[in-house]
Amino acid sequence: MTTGFSHLHSLLRWILLLLLVITIIKAFTSKNYSAGDKKLALFTMIAAHVQLLLGFSLYFMKGIYKFFQMEGAMSNSFQRFWMIEHLFGMLVAIILITVGYSKVKKASDEAGKNKSIKVFYTIALIIILLTIPWPFKEGFAAYGWF
């Protein structure tokens, strides 16, 4: 079961990245904020929340939290990544996506809606890209691209 969740979490990573990039590009290139843009932003937020739930499920199903000792976490880069950087980075990114979507719903003008997407979703994308365990990062080659 954990293998299936892990593969689903990895697959959804690519879907979320694609949705984020498309949503951000549309916000930067379009002047009018359409109903389709709102749906795209909503689907992006939903994908981010599902990804968060899958991540938390994996964290507890695999018992990852049991192996980490707080006193040694900062000196061990691998442990620090999983215990602090990945967990809190992704949480902050998903909060930014949620706040950005909330601001879109509350904004009355088109420029305000696009600006919220541009700012919040772009910052979230940067944080996500920095906190994904990419195979080219030291110690993560075994994780692969999928």
Foldseek 3Di string as FASTA:
>chain_A
DLVVLLVVLLVLLVVLLVLLVVLLVCLVPDQACDPVSLVSLVVSLVSLVVSLVSVVCSCVVVVVVVPDDVVCQVVDPVSVLVPPLQNVLSVQLSVLSVVLSVQLVVDDDRNSNSVSSNPSSVVSSVSNVVNDLALVDPPRVVVDSD
